[in-house]
PDB file of N, CA and C in Angstrom:
ATOM      1  N   MET A   1      93.029-100.076 -62.352  1.00  0.00           N
ATOM      2  CA  MET A   1      93.184 -98.675 -62.699  1.00  0.00           C
ATOM      3  C   MET A   1      92.001 -97.884 -62.116  1.00  0.00           C
ATOM      4  N   ARG A   2      92.269 -96.681 -61.681  1.00  0.00           N
ATOM      5  CA  ARG A   2      91.277 -95.856 -61.020  1.00  0.00           C
ATOM      6  C   ARG A   2      90.311 -95.213 -62.012  1.00  0.00           C
ATOM      7  N   SER A   3      89.039 -95.156 -61.644  1.00  0.00           N
ATOM      8  CA  SER A   3      88.031 -94.508 -62.489  1.00  0.00           C
ATOM      9  C   SER A   3      88.007 -93.017 -62.215  1.00  0.00           C
ATOM     10  N   THR A   4      87.717 -92.261 -63.243  1.00  0.00           N
ATOM     11  CA  THR A   4      87.655 -90.810 -63.170  1.00  0.00           C
ATOM     12  C   THR A   4      86.415 -90.342 -63.908  1.00  0.00           C
ATOM     13  N   ARG A   5      85.903 -89.202 -63.513  1.00  0.00           N
ATOM     14  CA  ARG A   5      84.741 -88.622 -64.186  1.00  0.00           C
ATOM     15  C   ARG A   5      85.240 -87.691 -65.293  1.00  0.00           C
ATOM     16  N   TYR A   6      84.640 -87.841 -66.482  1.00  0.00           N
ATOM     17  CA  TYR A   6      85.034 -87.035 -67.640  1.00  0.00           C
ATOM     18  C   TYR A   6      83.841 -86.321 -68.240  1.00  0.00           C
ATOM     19  N   GLU A   7      84.124 -85.184 -68.853  1.00  0.00           N
ATOM     20  CA  GLU A   7      83.162 -84.467 -69.688  1.00  0.00           C
ATOM     21  C   GLU A   7      83.784 -84.336 -71.073  1.00  0.00           C
ATOM     22  N   ILE A   8      83.060 -84.800 -72.068  1.00  0.00           N
ATOM     23  CA  ILE A   8      83.524 -84.761 -73.449  1.00  0.00           C
ATOM     24  C   ILE A   8      82.541 -83.895 -74.223  1.00  0.00           C
ATOM     25  N   THR A   9      83.036 -82.842 -74.844  1.00  0.00           N
ATOM     26  CA  THR A   9      82.168 -81.931 -75.591  1.00  0.00           C
ATOM     27  C   THR A   9      82.363 -82.166 -77.077  1.00  0.00           C
ATOM     28  N   VAL A  10      81.237 -82.324 -77.778  1.00  0.00           N
ATOM     29  CA  VAL A  10      81.255 -82.490 -79.230  1.00  0.00           C
ATOM     30  C   VAL A  10      80.426 -81.379 -79.868  1.00  0.00           C
ATOM     31  N   ARG A  11      80.772 -81.027 -81.098  1.00  0.00           N
ATOM     32  CA  ARG A  11      80.058 -79.963 -81.808  1.00  0.00           C
ATOM     33  C   ARG A  11      78.668 -80.446 -82.215  1.00  0.00           C
ATOM     34  N   GLY A  12      77.703 -79.594 -82.009  1.00  0.00           N
ATOM     35  CA  GLY A  12      76.325 -79.884 -82.402  1.00  0.00           C
ATOM     36  C   GLY A  12      75.573 -80.671 -81.338  1.00  0.00           C
ATOM     37  N   ARG A  13      74.311 -80.840 -81.604  1.00  0.00           N
ATOM     38  CA  ARG A  13      73.451 -81.600 -80.698  1.00  0.00           C
ATOM     39  C   ARG A  13      73.285 -83.010 -81.221  1.00  0.00           C
ATOM     40  N   LEU A  14      73.397 -83.986 -80.330  1.00  0.00           N
ATOM     41  CA  LEU A  14      73.222 -85.378 -80.740  1.00  0.00           C
ATOM     42  C   LEU A  14      71.758 -85.656 -81.035  1.00  0.00           C
ATOM     43  N   SER A  15      71.515 -86.355 -82.122  1.00  0.00           N
ATOM     44  CA  SER A  15      70.144 -86.746 -82.452  1.00  0.00           C
ATOM     45  C   SER A  15      69.720 -87.903 -81.545  1.00  0.00           C
ATOM     46  N   GLU A  16      68.446 -88.165 -81.487  1.00  0.00           N
ATOM     47  CA  GLU A  16      67.924 -89.280 -80.688  1.00  0.00           C
ATOM     48  C   GLU A  16      68.504 -90.610 -81.160  1.00  0.00           C
ATOM     49  N   THR A  17      68.894 -90.689 -82.406  1.00  0.00           N
ATOM     50  CA  THR A  17      69.489 -91.904 -82.955  1.00  0.00           C
ATOM     51  C   THR A  17      70.892 -92.133 -82.414  1.00  0.00           C
ATOM     52  N   LEU A  18      71.649 -91.058 -82.157  1.00  0.00           N
ATOM     53  CA  LEU A  18      73.029 -91.184 -81.697  1.00  0.00           C
ATOM     54  C   LEU A  18      73.172 -91.336 -80.189  1.00  0.00           C
ATOM     55  N   VAL A  19      72.215 -90.861 -79.419  1.00  0.00           N
ATOM     56  CA  VAL A  19      72.316 -90.923 -77.957  1.00  0.00           C
ATOM     57  C   VAL A  19      72.568 -92.349 -77.453  1.00  0.00           C
ATOM     58  N   PRO A  20      71.890 -93.386 -77.977  1.00  0.00           N
ATOM     59  CA  PRO A  20      72.151 -94.744 -77.481  1.00  0.00           C
ATOM     60  C   PRO A  20      73.581 -95.239 -77.716  1.00  0.00           C
ATOM     61  N   ALA A  21      74.321 -94.614 -78.606  1.00  0.00           N
ATOM     62  CA  ALA A  21      75.711 -95.000 -78.842  1.00  0.00           C
ATOM     63  C   ALA A  21      76.574 -94.721 -77.615  1.00  0.00           C
ATOM     64  N   PHE A  22      76.071 -93.888 -76.719  1.00  0.00           N
ATOM     65  CA  PHE A  22      76.801 -93.532 -75.504  1.00  0.00           C
ATOM     66  C   PHE A  22      76.084 -94.069 -74.270  1.00  0.00           C
ATOM     67  N   ASP A  23      75.564 -95.277 -74.394  1.00  0.00           N
ATOM     68  CA  ASP A  23      74.863 -95.945 -73.304  1.00  0.00           C
ATOM     69  C   ASP A  23      75.760 -96.011 -72.067  1.00  0.00           C
ATOM     70  N   GLY A  24      75.193 -95.703 -70.922  1.00  0.00           N
ATOM     71  CA  GLY A  24      75.952 -95.704 -69.680  1.00  0.00           C
ATOM     72  C   GLY A  24      76.539 -94.351 -69.352  1.00  0.00           C
ATOM     73  N   LEU A  25      76.473 -93.427 -70.294  1.00  0.00           N
ATOM     74  CA  LEU A  25      76.934 -92.063 -70.086  1.00  0.00           C
ATOM     75  C   LEU A  25      75.731 -91.140 -70.212  1.00  0.00           C
ATOM     76  N   THR A  26      75.828 -89.953 -69.674  1.00  0.00           N
ATOM     77  CA  THR A  26      74.740 -88.997 -69.840  1.00  0.00           C
ATOM     78  C   THR A  26      75.123 -88.000 -70.920  1.00  0.00           C
ATOM     79  N   THR A  27      74.132 -87.564 -71.659  1.00  0.00           N
ATOM     80  CA  THR A  27      74.338 -86.542 -72.683  1.00  0.00           C
ATOM     81  C   THR A  27      73.436 -85.361 -72.369  1.00  0.00           C
ATOM     82  N   ALA A  28      73.952 -84.166 -72.579  1.00  0.00           N
ATOM     83  CA  ALA A  28      73.163 -82.968 -72.313  1.00  0.00           C
ATOM     84  C   ALA A  28      73.571 -81.874 -73.278  1.00  0.00           C
ATOM     85  N   PRO A  29      72.583 -81.119 -73.773  1.00  0.00           N
ATOM     86  CA  PRO A  29      72.919 -79.988 -74.633  1.00  0.00           C
ATOM     87  C   PRO A  29      73.667 -78.922 -73.831  1.00  0.00           C
ATOM     88  N   ALA A  30      74.599 -78.270 -74.485  1.00  0.00           N
ATOM     89  CA  ALA A  30      75.350 -77.161 -73.891  1.00  0.00           C
ATOM     90  C   ALA A  30      75.454 -76.096 -74.977  1.00  0.00           C
ATOM     91  N   GLY A  31      74.448 -75.220 -75.022  1.00  0.00           N
ATOM     92  CA  GLY A  31      74.377 -74.261 -76.117  1.00  0.00           C
ATOM     93  C   GLY A  31      74.090 -75.019 -77.399  1.00  0.00           C
ATOM     94  N   ALA A  32      74.901 -74.818 -78.410  1.00  0.00           N
ATOM     95  CA  ALA A  32      74.709 -75.505 -79.688  1.00  0.00           C
ATOM     96  C   ALA A  32      75.425 -76.854 -79.725  1.00  0.00           C
ATOM     97  N   ASP A  33      76.143 -77.192 -78.650  1.00  0.00           N
ATOM     98  CA  ASP A  33      76.942 -78.409 -78.610  1.00  0.00           C
ATOM     99  C   ASP A  33      76.344 -79.423 -77.632  1.00  0.00           C
ATOM    100  N   THR A  34      77.037 -80.555 -77.468  1.00  0.00           N
ATOM    101  CA  THR A  34      76.585 -81.606 -76.554  1.00  0.00           C
ATOM    102  C   THR A  34      77.730 -81.999 -75.635  1.00  0.00           C
ATOM    103  N   VAL A  35      77.412 -82.171 -74.350  1.00  0.00           N
ATOM    104  CA  VAL A  35      78.389 -82.659 -73.381  1.00  0.00           C
ATOM    105  C   VAL A  35      78.006 -84.079 -73.019  1.00  0.00           C
ATOM    106  N   ILE A  36      78.987 -84.975 -73.086  1.00  0.00           N
ATOM    107  CA  ILE A  36      78.814 -86.380 -72.715  1.00  0.00           C
ATOM    108  C   ILE A  36      79.564 -86.555 -71.404  1.00  0.00           C
ATOM    109  N   ARG A  37      78.868 -87.011 -70.366  1.00  0.00           N
ATOM    110  CA  ARG A  37      79.487 -87.130 -69.039  1.00  0.00           C
ATOM    111  C   ARG A  37      79.402 -88.562 -68.541  1.00  0.00           C
ATOM    112  N   GLY A  38      80.413 -88.936 -67.776  1.00  0.00           N
ATOM    113  CA  GLY A  38      80.366 -90.243 -67.164  1.00  0.00           C
ATOM    114  C   GLY A  38      81.662 -90.601 -66.481  1.00  0.00           C
ATOM    115  N   ILE A  39      81.644 -91.774 -65.892  1.00  0.00           N
ATOM    116  CA  ILE A  39      82.803 -92.288 -65.188  1.00  0.00           C
ATOM    117  C   ILE A  39      83.449 -93.348 -66.060  1.00  0.00           C
ATOM    118  N   ALA A  40      84.751 -93.240 -66.224  1.00  0.00           N
ATOM    119  CA  ALA A  40      85.445 -94.204 -67.066  1.00  0.00           C
ATOM    120  C   ALA A  40      86.880 -94.352 -66.604  1.00  0.00           C
ATOM    121  N   ASP A  41      87.417 -95.539 -66.792  1.00  0.00           N
ATOM    122  CA  ASP A  41      88.859 -95.665 -66.627  1.00  0.00           C
ATOM    123  C   ASP A  41      89.476 -95.222 -67.955  1.00  0.00           C
ATOM    124  N   GLN A  42      90.783 -95.220 -68.012  1.00  0.00           N
ATOM    125  CA  GLN A  42      91.435 -94.681 -69.197  1.00  0.00           C
ATOM    126  C   GLN A  42      91.086 -95.480 -70.459  1.00  0.00           C
ATOM    127  N   ALA A  43      91.000 -96.789 -70.354  1.00  0.00           N
ATOM    128  CA  ALA A  43      90.659 -97.613 -71.518  1.00  0.00           C
ATOM    129  C   ALA A  43      89.256 -97.289 -72.017  1.00  0.00           C
ATOM    130  N   ALA A  44      88.305 -97.115 -71.102  1.00  0.00           N
ATOM    131  CA  ALA A  44      86.933 -96.782 -71.488  1.00  0.00           C
ATOM    132  C   ALA A  44      86.878 -95.394 -72.131  1.00  0.00           C
ATOM    133  N   LEU A  45      87.674 -94.457 -71.615  1.00  0.00           N
ATOM    134  CA  LEU A  45      87.730 -93.122 -72.207  1.00  0.00           C
ATOM    135  C   LEU A  45      88.171 -93.208 -73.663  1.00  0.00           C
ATOM    136  N   TYR A  46      89.214 -93.983 -73.924  1.00  0.00           N
ATOM    137  CA  TYR A  46      89.674 -94.146 -75.304  1.00  0.00           C
ATOM    138  C   TYR A  46      88.595 -94.775 -76.175  1.00  0.00           C
ATOM    139  N   GLY A  47      87.811 -95.688 -75.596  1.00  0.00           N
ATOM    140  CA  GLY A  47      86.709 -96.292 -76.340  1.00  0.00           C
ATOM    141  C   GLY A  47      85.652 -95.266 -76.710  1.00  0.00           C
ATOM    142  N   VAL A  48      85.325 -94.372 -75.777  1.00  0.00           N
ATOM    143  CA  VAL A  48      84.336 -93.327 -76.061  1.00  0.00           C
ATOM    144  C   VAL A  48      84.879 -92.374 -77.123  1.00  0.00           C
ATOM    145  N   LEU A  49      86.146 -92.020 -77.021  1.00  0.00           N
ATOM    146  CA  LEU A  49      86.734 -91.125 -78.015  1.00  0.00           C
ATOM    147  C   LEU A  49      86.766 -91.784 -79.392  1.00  0.00           C
ATOM    148  N   ASP A  50      87.004 -93.082 -79.434  1.00  0.00           N
ATOM    149  CA  ASP A  50      86.959 -93.816 -80.701  1.00  0.00           C
ATOM    150  C   ASP A  50      85.546 -93.799 -81.283  1.00  0.00           C
ATOM    151  N   ARG A  51      84.542 -93.938 -80.419  1.00  0.00           N
ATOM    152  CA  ARG A  51      83.146 -93.894 -80.861  1.00  0.00           C
ATOM    153  C   ARG A  51      82.806 -92.522 -81.417  1.00  0.00           C
ATOM    154  N   VAL A  52      83.261 -91.466 -80.753  1.00  0.00           N
ATOM    155  CA  VAL A  52      83.043 -90.099 -81.240  1.00  0.00           C
ATOM    156  C   VAL A  52      83.602 -89.974 -82.655  1.00  0.00           C
ATOM    157  N   GLU A  53      84.820 -90.469 -82.848  1.00  0.00           N
ATOM    158  CA  GLU A  53      85.448 -90.382 -84.171  1.00  0.00           C
ATOM    159  C   GLU A  53      84.699 -91.217 -85.200  1.00  0.00           C
ATOM    160  N   SER A  54      84.329 -92.453 -84.840  1.00  0.00           N
ATOM    161  CA  SER A  54      83.670 -93.334 -85.808  1.00  0.00           C
ATOM    162  C   SER A  54      82.293 -92.818 -86.213  1.00  0.00           C
ATOM    163  N   LEU A  55      81.660 -92.030 -85.346  1.00  0.00           N
ATOM    164  CA  LEU A  55      80.358 -91.450 -85.681  1.00  0.00           C
ATOM    165  C   LEU A  55      80.504 -90.146 -86.469  1.00  0.00           C
ATOM    166  N   GLY A  56      81.738 -89.714 -86.682  1.00  0.00           N
ATOM    167  CA  GLY A  56      81.971 -88.493 -87.453  1.00  0.00           C
ATOM    168  C   GLY A  56      81.678 -87.226 -86.674  1.00  0.00           C
ATOM    169  N   LEU A  57      81.707 -87.309 -85.332  1.00  0.00           N
ATOM    170  CA  LEU A  57      81.450 -86.130 -84.513  1.00  0.00           C
ATOM    171  C   LEU A  57      82.738 -85.334 -84.343  1.00  0.00           C
ATOM    172  N   GLU A  58      82.606 -84.028 -84.239  1.00  0.00           N
ATOM    173  CA  GLU A  58      83.777 -83.176 -84.032  1.00  0.00           C
ATOM    174  C   GLU A  58      84.020 -83.010 -82.537  1.00  0.00           C
ATOM    175  N   LEU A  59      85.166 -83.472 -82.083  1.00  0.00           N
ATOM    176  CA  LEU A  59      85.551 -83.376 -80.680  1.00  0.00           C
ATOM    177  C   LEU A  59      86.018 -81.961 -80.384  1.00  0.00           C
ATOM    178  N   LEU A  60      85.404 -81.333 -79.383  1.00  0.00           N
ATOM    179  CA  LEU A  60      85.790 -79.976 -79.001  1.00  0.00           C
ATOM    180  C   LEU A  60      86.640 -79.956 -77.748  1.00  0.00           C
ATOM    181  N   ALA A  61      86.317 -80.836 -76.780  1.00  0.00           N
ATOM    182  CA  ALA A  61      87.059 -80.812 -75.510  1.00  0.00           C
ATOM    183  C   ALA A  61      86.880 -82.115 -74.754  1.00  0.00           C
ATOM    184  N   VAL A  62      87.908 -82.468 -73.998  1.00  0.00           N
ATOM    185  CA  VAL A  62      87.850 -83.555 -73.029  1.00  0.00           C
ATOM    186  C   VAL A  62      88.346 -82.981 -71.729  1.00  0.00           C
ATOM    187  N   ARG A  63      87.537 -83.120 -70.687  1.00  0.00           N
ATOM    188  CA  ARG A  63      87.902 -82.504 -69.412  1.00  0.00           C
ATOM    189  C   ARG A  63      87.694 -83.513 -68.303  1.00  0.00           C
ATOM    190  N   ARG A  64      88.708 -83.679 -67.476  1.00  0.00           N
ATOM    191  CA  ARG A  64      88.569 -84.522 -66.278  1.00  0.00           C
ATOM    192  C   ARG A  64      87.983 -83.662 -65.176  1.00  0.00           C
ATOM    193  N   THR A  65      86.951 -84.181 -64.519  1.00  0.00           N
ATOM    194  CA  THR A  65      86.304 -83.432 -63.444  1.00  0.00           C
ATOM    195  C   THR A  65      86.618 -84.124 -62.117  1.00  0.00           C
ATOM    196  N   ALA A  66      85.847 -83.851 -61.099  1.00  0.00           N
ATOM    197  CA  ALA A  66      86.101 -84.414 -59.769  1.00  0.00           C
ATOM    198  C   ALA A  66      86.231 -85.927 -59.823  1.00  0.00           C
ATOM    199  N   PRO A  67      87.166 -86.487 -59.065  1.00  0.00           N
ATOM    200  CA  PRO A  67      87.345 -87.944 -59.064  1.00  0.00           C
ATOM    201  C   PRO A  67      86.074 -88.677 -58.655  1.00  0.00           C
ATOM    202  N   ALA A  68      85.888 -89.855 -59.238  1.00  0.00           N
ATOM    203  CA  ALA A  68      84.736 -90.697 -58.893  1.00  0.00           C
ATOM    204  C   ALA A  68      84.914 -91.203 -57.464  1.00  0.00           C
ATOM    205  N   ARG A  69      83.818 -91.350 -56.757  1.00  0.00           N
ATOM    206  CA  ARG A  69      83.875 -91.867 -55.382  1.00  0.00           C
ATOM    207  C   ARG A  69      83.474 -93.310 -55.348  1.00  0.00           C
TER     208      ARG A  69
END
């Protein structure tokens, strides 16, 4: 399956304790929220979304960006 680059926006800023939960992805503040970026196949994307839910984070958006090279 082909890998794609995704941006996942969650409400609020991730604490230093939560950032390691998204190892292999980058996290960056975006105003009052946080954007999690990285390359994932569809199965990995579902895993990240499951992690967002299990951590009690509010999902605001999932956006596919330019294809991974």
